[in-house]
C-alpha atoms as a PDB file:
ATOM      1  CA  UNK A   1      17.157 -24.018  28.768  1.00  0.00           C
ATOM      2  CA  UNK A   2      19.245 -27.066  29.610  1.00  0.00           C
ATOM      3  CA  UNK A   3      21.024 -26.904  26.230  1.00  0.00           C
ATOM      4  CA  UNK A   4      22.092 -23.322  26.895  1.00  0.00           C
ATOM      5  CA  UNK A   5      23.362 -24.300  30.340  1.00  0.00           C
ATOM      6  CA  UNK A   6      25.423 -27.157  28.901  1.00  0.00           C
ATOM      7  CA  UNK A   7      26.865 -24.864  26.233  1.00  0.00           C
ATOM      8  CA  UNK A   8      27.894 -22.360  28.897  1.00  0.00           C
ATOM      9  CA  UNK A   9      29.513 -25.067  31.018  1.00  0.00           C
ATOM     10  CA  UNK A  10      31.446 -26.392  28.034  1.00  0.00           C
ATOM     11  CA  UNK A  11      32.563 -22.908  27.007  1.00  0.00           C
ATOM     12  CA  UNK A  12      33.883 -22.209  30.506  1.00  0.00           C
ATOM     13  CA  UNK A  13      35.839 -25.465  30.483  1.00  0.00           C
ATOM     14  CA  UNK A  14      37.212 -24.603  27.061  1.00  0.00           C
ATOM     15  CA  UNK A  15      39.013 -21.715  28.725  1.00  0.00           C
ATOM     16  CA  UNK A  16      40.895 -24.252  30.838  1.00  0.00           C
ATOM     17  CA  UNK A  17      42.313 -25.744  27.644  1.00  0.00           C
ATOM     18  CA  UNK A  18      43.244 -22.362  26.205  1.00  0.00           C
ATOM     19  CA  UNK A  19      44.909 -21.271  29.448  1.00  0.00           C
ATOM     20  CA  UNK A  20      46.797 -24.526  29.990  1.00  0.00           C
ATOM     21  CA  UNK A  21      50.432 -24.120  30.967  1.00  0.00           C
ATOM     22  CA  UNK A  22      52.315 -25.889  28.192  1.00  0.00           C
ATOM     23  CA  UNK A  23      55.157 -26.711  30.588  1.00  0.00           C
ATOM     24  CA  UNK A  24      52.665 -28.621  32.759  1.00  0.00           C
ATOM     25  CA  UNK A  25      51.020 -30.617  29.953  1.00  0.00           C
ATOM     26  CA  UNK A  26      53.196 -33.688  30.361  1.00  0.00           C
ATOM     27  CA  UNK A  27      51.393 -36.832  29.278  1.00  0.00           C
ATOM     28  CA  UNK A  28      51.022 -40.099  31.118  1.00  0.00           C
ATOM     29  CA  UNK A  29      50.675 -43.443  29.383  1.00  0.00           C
ATOM     30  CA  UNK A  30      47.130 -44.774  29.540  1.00  0.00           C
ATOM     31  CA  UNK A  31      46.245 -48.486  29.621  1.00  0.00           C
ATOM     32  CA  UNK A  32      49.925 -49.387  29.228  1.00  0.00           C
ATOM     33  CA  UNK A  33      50.027 -48.071  25.647  1.00  0.00           C
ATOM     34  CA  UNK A  34      52.713 -45.496  24.907  1.00  0.00           C
ATOM     35  CA  UNK A  35      50.615 -43.730  22.259  1.00  0.00           C
ATOM     36  CA  UNK A  36      47.405 -43.603  24.313  1.00  0.00           C
ATOM     37  CA  UNK A  37      47.904 -40.504  26.423  1.00  0.00           C
ATOM     38  CA  UNK A  38      46.229 -38.667  29.275  1.00  0.00           C
ATOM     39  CA  UNK A  39      47.263 -35.417  30.960  1.00  0.00           C
ATOM     40  CA  UNK A  40      46.367 -33.701  34.199  1.00  0.00           C
ATOM     41  CA  UNK A  41      44.292 -31.327  32.084  1.00  0.00           C
ATOM     42  CA  UNK A  42      42.111 -34.184  30.810  1.00  0.00           C
ATOM     43  CA  UNK A  43      41.338 -35.011  34.419  1.00  0.00           C
ATOM     44  CA  UNK A  44      40.906 -31.391  35.495  1.00  0.00           C
ATOM     45  CA  UNK A  45      38.540 -30.546  32.639  1.00  0.00           C
ATOM     46  CA  UNK A  46      36.563 -33.721  33.280  1.00  0.00           C
ATOM     47  CA  UNK A  47      36.178 -32.893  36.971  1.00  0.00           C
ATOM     48  CA  UNK A  48      35.075 -29.355  36.148  1.00  0.00           C
ATOM     49  CA  UNK A  49      32.551 -30.679  33.641  1.00  0.00           C
ATOM     50  CA  UNK A  50      31.275 -33.188  36.173  1.00  0.00           C
ATOM     51  CA  UNK A  51      30.649 -30.456  38.731  1.00  0.00           C
ATOM     52  CA  UNK A  52      28.958 -28.117  36.265  1.00  0.00           C
ATOM     53  CA  UNK A  53      26.841 -30.721  34.456  1.00  0.00           C
ATOM     54  CA  UNK A  54      25.604 -32.466  37.581  1.00  0.00           C
ATOM     55  CA  UNK A  55      24.582 -29.088  38.937  1.00  0.00           C
ATOM     56  CA  UNK A  56      22.428 -28.718  35.815  1.00  0.00           C
ATOM     57  CA  UNK A  57      20.970 -32.248  36.037  1.00  0.00           C
ATOM     58  CA  UNK A  58      21.740 -33.863  39.422  1.00  0.00           C
ATOM     59  CA  UNK A  59      19.824 -37.029  38.545  1.00  0.00           C
ATOM     60  CA  UNK A  60      22.072 -37.849  35.598  1.00  0.00           C
ATOM     61  CA  UNK A  61      24.833 -40.436  35.454  1.00  0.00           C
ATOM     62  CA  UNK A  62      28.228 -39.064  34.448  1.00  0.00           C
ATOM     63  CA  UNK A  63      30.202 -41.185  31.986  1.00  0.00           C
ATOM     64  CA  UNK A  64      33.621 -39.710  31.239  1.00  0.00           C
ATOM     65  CA  UNK A  65      36.557 -40.939  29.199  1.00  0.00           C
ATOM     66  CA  UNK A  66      38.839 -41.051  32.210  1.00  0.00           C
ATOM     67  CA  UNK A  67      36.445 -43.463  33.969  1.00  0.00           C
ATOM     68  CA  UNK A  68      35.791 -46.021  31.212  1.00  0.00           C
ATOM     69  CA  UNK A  69      32.246 -46.982  32.253  1.00  0.00           C
ATOM     70  CA  UNK A  70      29.575 -47.612  29.610  1.00  0.00           C
ATOM     71  CA  UNK A  71      26.659 -49.315  31.331  1.00  0.00           C
ATOM     72  CA  UNK A  72      25.144 -46.170  32.842  1.00  0.00           C
ATOM     73  CA  UNK A  73      24.373 -44.788  29.379  1.00  0.00           C
ATOM     74  CA  UNK A  74      21.552 -47.282  28.874  1.00  0.00           C
ATOM     75  CA  UNK A  75      19.360 -46.176  31.772  1.00  0.00           C
ATOM     76  CA  UNK A  76      17.886 -42.845  32.761  1.00  0.00           C
ATOM     77  CA  UNK A  77      19.679 -39.586  32.033  1.00  0.00           C
ATOM     78  CA  UNK A  78      23.420 -39.597  31.400  1.00  0.00           C
ATOM     79  CA  UNK A  79      26.145 -37.200  30.367  1.00  0.00           C
ATOM     80  CA  UNK A  80      28.685 -38.848  28.043  1.00  0.00           C
ATOM     81  CA  UNK A  81      31.834 -36.752  28.103  1.00  0.00           C
ATOM     82  CA  UNK A  82      35.238 -36.546  26.460  1.00  0.00           C
ATOM     83  CA  UNK A  83      37.061 -33.698  28.240  1.00  0.00           C
ATOM     84  CA  UNK A  84      39.776 -33.344  25.600  1.00  0.00           C
ATOM     85  CA  UNK A  85      39.096 -35.243  22.397  1.00  0.00           C
ATOM     86  CA  UNK A  86      42.457 -35.125  20.691  1.00  0.00           C
ATOM     87  CA  UNK A  87      44.784 -35.471  23.680  1.00  0.00           C
ATOM     88  CA  UNK A  88      47.850 -36.186  21.533  1.00  0.00           C
ATOM     89  CA  UNK A  89      47.169 -32.971  19.607  1.00  0.00           C
ATOM     90  CA  UNK A  90      46.870 -31.143  22.931  1.00  0.00           C
ATOM     91  CA  UNK A  91      50.167 -32.569  24.194  1.00  0.00           C
ATOM     92  CA  UNK A  92      51.905 -31.549  20.960  1.00  0.00           C
ATOM     93  CA  UNK A  93      50.275 -28.079  20.967  1.00  0.00           C
ATOM     94  CA  UNK A  94      48.740 -28.927  17.587  1.00  0.00           C
ATOM     95  CA  UNK A  95      45.601 -26.904  18.431  1.00  0.00           C
ATOM     96  CA  UNK A  96      43.028 -29.355  17.137  1.00  0.00           C
ATOM     97  CA  UNK A  97      41.151 -30.692  20.165  1.00  0.00           C
ATOM     98  CA  UNK A  98      37.589 -30.427  21.415  1.00  0.00           C
ATOM     99  CA  UNK A  99      35.324 -30.915  24.399  1.00  0.00           C
ATOM    100  CA  UNK A 100      32.503 -33.329  23.625  1.00  0.00           C
ATOM    101  CA  UNK A 101      29.360 -33.633  25.761  1.00  0.00           C
ATOM    102  CA  UNK A 102      26.239 -35.641  24.971  1.00  0.00           C
ATOM    103  CA  UNK A 103      23.158 -35.926  27.136  1.00  0.00           C
ATOM    104  CA  UNK A 104      21.227 -39.154  26.700  1.00  0.00           C
ATOM    105  CA  UNK A 105      17.992 -40.606  28.038  1.00  0.00           C
ATOM    106  CA  UNK A 106      17.651 -44.391  28.211  1.00  0.00           C
ATOM    107  CA  UNK A 107      20.477 -44.678  25.684  1.00  0.00           C
ATOM    108  CA  UNK A 108      19.032 -42.184  23.192  1.00  0.00           C
ATOM    109  CA  UNK A 109      20.952 -39.007  22.405  1.00  0.00           C
ATOM    110  CA  UNK A 110      18.970 -35.903  23.317  1.00  0.00           C
ATOM    111  CA  UNK A 111      21.645 -33.179  23.229  1.00  0.00           C
ATOM    112  CA  UNK A 112      25.095 -33.004  21.666  1.00  0.00           C
ATOM    113  CA  UNK A 113      27.669 -30.245  22.190  1.00  0.00           C
ATOM    114  CA  UNK A 114      31.178 -30.142  20.710  1.00  0.00           C
ATOM    115  CA  UNK A 115      33.431 -27.149  21.311  1.00  0.00           C
ATOM    116  CA  UNK A 116      36.692 -26.396  19.545  1.00  0.00           C
ATOM    117  CA  UNK A 117      38.143 -23.676  21.794  1.00  0.00           C
ATOM    118  CA  UNK A 118      41.017 -22.894  19.440  1.00  0.00           C
ATOM    119  CA  UNK A 119      38.621 -21.741  16.705  1.00  0.00           C
ATOM    120  CA  UNK A 120      35.855 -20.764  19.139  1.00  0.00           C
ATOM    121  CA  UNK A 121      33.441 -23.008  17.234  1.00  0.00           C
ATOM    122  CA  UNK A 122      30.529 -24.286  19.293  1.00  0.00           C
ATOM    123  CA  UNK A 123      28.608 -27.060  17.535  1.00  0.00           C
ATOM    124  CA  UNK A 124      25.385 -28.270  19.085  1.00  0.00           C
ATOM    125  CA  UNK A 125      22.166 -30.115  18.389  1.00  0.00           C
ATOM    126  CA  UNK A 126      19.021 -31.189  20.172  1.00  0.00           C
ATOM    127  CA  UNK A 127      17.085 -34.203  18.951  1.00  0.00           C
ATOM    128  CA  UNK A 128      14.531 -33.132  16.360  1.00  0.00           C
ATOM    129  CA  UNK A 129      15.598 -29.475  16.362  1.00  0.00           C
ATOM    130  CA  UNK A 130      18.467 -29.280  13.873  1.00  0.00           C
ATOM    131  CA  UNK A 131      22.183 -28.628  14.207  1.00  0.00           C
ATOM    132  CA  UNK A 132      24.029 -25.359  14.679  1.00  0.00           C
ATOM    133  CA  UNK A 133      27.483 -23.808  14.861  1.00  0.00           C
ATOM    134  CA  UNK A 134      27.788 -20.563  16.796  1.00  0.00           C
ATOM    135  CA  UNK A 135      24.049 -19.997  16.471  1.00  0.00           C
ATOM    136  CA  UNK A 136      23.815 -20.580  12.711  1.00  0.00           C
ATOM    137  CA  UNK A 137      22.118 -23.658  11.205  1.00  0.00           C
ATOM    138  CA  UNK A 138      24.452 -26.168   9.578  1.00  0.00           C
ATOM    139  CA  UNK A 139      23.767 -28.861   6.985  1.00  0.00           C
ATOM    140  CA  UNK A 140      25.758 -31.724   5.557  1.00  0.00           C
ATOM    141  CA  UNK A 141      27.148 -31.624   2.034  1.00  0.00           C
ATOM    142  CA  UNK A 142      25.057 -32.822  -0.895  1.00  0.00           C
ATOM    143  CA  UNK A 143      28.120 -33.389  -3.089  1.00  0.00           C
ATOM    144  CA  UNK A 144      29.205 -36.855  -4.233  1.00  0.00           C
ATOM    145  CA  UNK A 145      32.427 -38.181  -2.769  1.00  0.00           C
ATOM    146  CA  UNK A 146      34.207 -37.610  -6.085  1.00  0.00           C
ATOM    147  CA  UNK A 147      33.785 -33.889  -5.440  1.00  0.00           C
ATOM    148  CA  UNK A 148      34.526 -34.066  -1.742  1.00  0.00           C
ATOM    149  CA  UNK A 149      36.883 -34.881   1.093  1.00  0.00           C
ATOM    150  CA  UNK A 150      37.314 -38.066   3.094  1.00  0.00           C
ATOM    151  CA  UNK A 151      38.156 -37.786   6.791  1.00  0.00           C
ATOM    152  CA  UNK A 152      39.443 -40.740   8.781  1.00  0.00           C
ATOM    153  CA  UNK A 153      40.771 -41.751  12.142  1.00  0.00           C
ATOM    154  CA  UNK A 154      43.240 -44.503  12.978  1.00  0.00           C
ATOM    155  CA  UNK A 155      44.200 -44.853  16.621  1.00  0.00           C
ATOM    156  CA  UNK A 156      47.646 -46.403  16.468  1.00  0.00           C
ATOM    157  CA  UNK A 157      47.133 -48.292  19.739  1.00  0.00           C
ATOM    158  CA  UNK A 158      44.550 -50.517  18.000  1.00  0.00           C
ATOM    159  CA  UNK A 159      47.258 -52.388  16.118  1.00  0.00           C
ATOM    160  CA  UNK A 160      44.869 -55.054  14.873  1.00  0.00           C
ATOM    161  CA  UNK A 161      42.876 -52.439  12.917  1.00  0.00           C
ATOM    162  CA  UNK A 162      45.733 -50.634  11.176  1.00  0.00           C
ATOM    163  CA  UNK A 163      45.813 -52.710   7.983  1.00  0.00           C
ATOM    164  CA  UNK A 164      42.052 -52.605   7.493  1.00  0.00           C
ATOM    165  CA  UNK A 165      41.962 -48.867   8.199  1.00  0.00           C
ATOM    166  CA  UNK A 166      44.482 -48.101   5.500  1.00  0.00           C
ATOM    167  CA  UNK A 167      42.914 -50.557   3.057  1.00  0.00           C
ATOM    168  CA  UNK A 168      39.628 -48.665   3.380  1.00  0.00           C
ATOM    169  CA  UNK A 169      41.455 -45.359   3.234  1.00  0.00           C
ATOM    170  CA  UNK A 170      42.962 -46.330  -0.118  1.00  0.00           C
ATOM    171  CA  UNK A 171      39.477 -47.071  -1.434  1.00  0.00           C
ATOM    172  CA  UNK A 172      38.384 -43.609  -0.294  1.00  0.00           C
ATOM    173  CA  UNK A 173      41.508 -41.951  -1.683  1.00  0.00           C
ATOM    174  CA  UNK A 174      40.748 -43.368  -5.129  1.00  0.00           C
ATOM    175  CA  UNK A 175      37.177 -42.017  -4.987  1.00  0.00           C
ATOM    176  CA  UNK A 176      37.514 -38.564  -3.427  1.00  0.00           C
ATOM    177  CA  UNK A 177      39.295 -35.286  -4.075  1.00  0.00           C
ATOM    178  CA  UNK A 178      41.609 -35.755  -1.098  1.00  0.00           C
ATOM    179  CA  UNK A 179      41.878 -37.113   2.440  1.00  0.00           C
ATOM    180  CA  UNK A 180      42.353 -35.491   5.844  1.00  0.00           C
ATOM    181  CA  UNK A 181      43.116 -36.704   9.381  1.00  0.00           C
ATOM    182  CA  UNK A 182      42.560 -34.291  12.277  1.00  0.00           C
ATOM    183  CA  UNK A 183      43.210 -36.518  15.293  1.00  0.00           C
ATOM    184  CA  UNK A 184      39.830 -35.671  16.845  1.00  0.00           C
ATOM    185  CA  UNK A 185      36.751 -37.761  16.082  1.00  0.00           C
ATOM    186  CA  UNK A 186      34.446 -35.112  17.542  1.00  0.00           C
ATOM    187  CA  UNK A 187      35.876 -32.427  15.269  1.00  0.00           C
ATOM    188  CA  UNK A 188      35.700 -34.743  12.253  1.00  0.00           C
ATOM    189  CA  UNK A 189      32.035 -35.504  12.881  1.00  0.00           C
ATOM    190  CA  UNK A 190      31.263 -31.801  13.162  1.00  0.00           C
ATOM    191  CA  UNK A 191      33.214 -31.179   9.966  1.00  0.00           C
ATOM    192  CA  UNK A 192      30.830 -33.579   8.224  1.00  0.00           C
ATOM    193  CA  UNK A 193      27.838 -31.892   9.878  1.00  0.00           C
ATOM    194  CA  UNK A 194      28.973 -28.470   8.665  1.00  0.00           C
ATOM    195  CA  UNK A 195      29.279 -29.667   5.060  1.00  0.00           C
ATOM    196  CA  UNK A 196      33.045 -29.189   4.963  1.00  0.00           C
ATOM    197  CA  UNK A 197      33.735 -32.829   4.077  1.00  0.00           C
ATOM    198  CA  UNK A 198      31.664 -35.659   2.667  1.00  0.00           C
ATOM    199  CA  UNK A 199      32.697 -38.890   4.435  1.00  0.00           C
ATOM    200  CA  UNK A 200      34.328 -39.847   7.725  1.00  0.00           C
ATOM    201  CA  UNK A 201      35.185 -43.272   9.073  1.00  0.00           C
ATOM    202  CA  UNK A 202      37.026 -44.876  11.961  1.00  0.00           C
ATOM    203  CA  UNK A 203      37.072 -48.566  12.779  1.00  0.00           C
ATOM    204  CA  UNK A 204      36.872 -48.274  16.567  1.00  0.00           C
ATOM    205  CA  UNK A 205      35.637 -45.418  18.709  1.00  0.00           C
ATOM    206  CA  UNK A 206      34.419 -45.253  22.279  1.00  0.00           C
ATOM    207  CA  UNK A 207      30.964 -43.804  23.087  1.00  0.00           C
ATOM    208  CA  UNK A 208      32.393 -40.537  24.420  1.00  0.00           C
ATOM    209  CA  UNK A 209      34.193 -40.042  21.098  1.00  0.00           C
ATOM    210  CA  UNK A 210      31.033 -40.052  19.001  1.00  0.00           C
ATOM    211  CA  UNK A 211      27.979 -39.613  21.265  1.00  0.00           C
ATOM    212  CA  UNK A 212      27.700 -35.850  20.738  1.00  0.00           C
ATOM    213  CA  UNK A 213      29.103 -35.586  17.220  1.00  0.00           C
ATOM    214  CA  UNK A 214      26.921 -38.312  15.753  1.00  0.00           C
ATOM    215  CA  UNK A 215      23.757 -36.542  16.931  1.00  0.00           C
ATOM    216  CA  UNK A 216      25.017 -33.296  15.411  1.00  0.00           C
ATOM    217  CA  UNK A 217      25.607 -35.042  12.055  1.00  0.00           C
ATOM    218  CA  UNK A 218      22.143 -36.578  12.035  1.00  0.00           C
ATOM    219  CA  UNK A 219      20.465 -33.318  12.987  1.00  0.00           C
ATOM    220  CA  UNK A 220      22.399 -31.662  10.145  1.00  0.00           C
ATOM    221  CA  UNK A 221      20.788 -34.129   7.737  1.00  0.00           C
ATOM    222  CA  UNK A 222      23.566 -36.690   7.522  1.00  0.00           C
ATOM    223  CA  UNK A 223      23.872 -40.402   8.171  1.00  0.00           C
ATOM    224  CA  UNK A 224      25.802 -42.145  10.952  1.00  0.00           C
ATOM    225  CA  UNK A 225      26.148 -45.939  11.041  1.00  0.00           C
ATOM    226  CA  UNK A 226      28.797 -48.533  11.689  1.00  0.00           C
ATOM    227  CA  UNK A 227      31.257 -48.974   8.839  1.00  0.00           C
ATOM    228  CA  UNK A 228      30.042 -52.544   8.340  1.00  0.00           C
ATOM    229  CA  UNK A 229      26.413 -51.402   8.473  1.00  0.00           C
ATOM    230  CA  UNK A 230      23.937 -51.258  11.337  1.00  0.00           C
ATOM    231  CA  UNK A 231      23.319 -48.770  14.100  1.00  0.00           C
ATOM    232  CA  UNK A 232      26.005 -47.404  16.408  1.00  0.00           C
ATOM    233  CA  UNK A 233      25.741 -48.544  20.032  1.00  0.00           C
ATOM    234  CA  UNK A 234      26.367 -46.014  22.787  1.00  0.00           C
ATOM    235  CA  UNK A 235      27.041 -48.718  25.369  1.00  0.00           C
ATOM    236  CA  UNK A 236      30.227 -50.023  23.749  1.00  0.00           C
ATOM    237  CA  UNK A 237      33.008 -49.295  21.299  1.00  0.00           C
ATOM    238  CA  UNK A 238      32.153 -49.631  17.621  1.00  0.00           C
ATOM    239  CA  UNK A 239      33.148 -48.439  14.173  1.00  0.00           C
ATOM    240  CA  UNK A 240      31.640 -45.180  12.918  1.00  0.00           C
ATOM    241  CA  UNK A 241      30.813 -44.019   9.392  1.00  0.00           C
ATOM    242  CA  UNK A 242      29.360 -40.547   8.810  1.00  0.00           C
ATOM    243  CA  UNK A 243      28.342 -39.137   5.440  1.00  0.00           C
ATOM    244  CA  UNK A 244      26.555 -36.261   3.813  1.00  0.00           C
ATOM    245  CA  UNK A 245      23.591 -36.893   1.542  1.00  0.00           C
ATOM    246  CA  UNK A 246      25.600 -37.138  -1.669  1.00  0.00           C
ATOM    247  CA  UNK A 247      28.300 -39.620  -0.660  1.00  0.00           C
ATOM    248  CA  UNK A 248      27.634 -43.306  -1.334  1.00  0.00           C
ATOM    249  CA  UNK A 249      29.752 -45.374   1.095  1.00  0.00           C
ATOM    250  CA  UNK A 250      28.650 -48.788  -0.184  1.00  0.00           C
ATOM    251  CA  UNK A 251      32.117 -49.475  -1.620  1.00  0.00           C
ATOM    252  CA  UNK A 252      33.464 -49.680   1.953  1.00  0.00           C
ATOM    253  CA  UNK A 253      31.287 -52.717   2.678  1.00  0.00           C
ATOM    254  CA  UNK A 254      32.423 -54.883  -0.239  1.00  0.00           C
END
């Protein structure tokens, strides 16, 4: 029941993105970095999600991107939310952005919902119950990377990670059919979950970027770890590597 309520809340907020007045989508600089953007719609969607989600589960903590608080994820129930994952895409009217909502309990992901309103694709998963897109089960690809696609992210405001990101990307380029970059970690993770690509990596993501999508990948039969190995940590930023069952990412750790 709670999953269906979250899906409905996310779908309603997706309409806010679709109905956004492009003339009012001016971006503000976030954290003093000219390529790290936030708009009034990020804040408006987050506030709407807060109201709707806390009505569903009043006891839960609310951890949103526009608040930058991680500690609450580790205790009790929490919603981990990115109101518009892919803000730069949204600002540029590139139509590749998503709402990402995870519900956790004591730091463990219980529910993940990612909605791409432009394609009307609703991805969701509940721990131990599989992953779905628009009501149909989804599964990761079984193909080796040589027969597949590599997805990657590279936030340009993390200047210290640029060289390593593109070094790893070259390794992937030499071992896969082609590469893609969407500008939305949540969408990329769901692309892996749906079997549309075989490997995704990014060297630094925040919990709200990957909390929902990583659960969806795992429930679709895939693997999600840090790029360097080890488990992802929902209480802090970390690297993320997601693969289907046929892709061997060991070359990234050499």
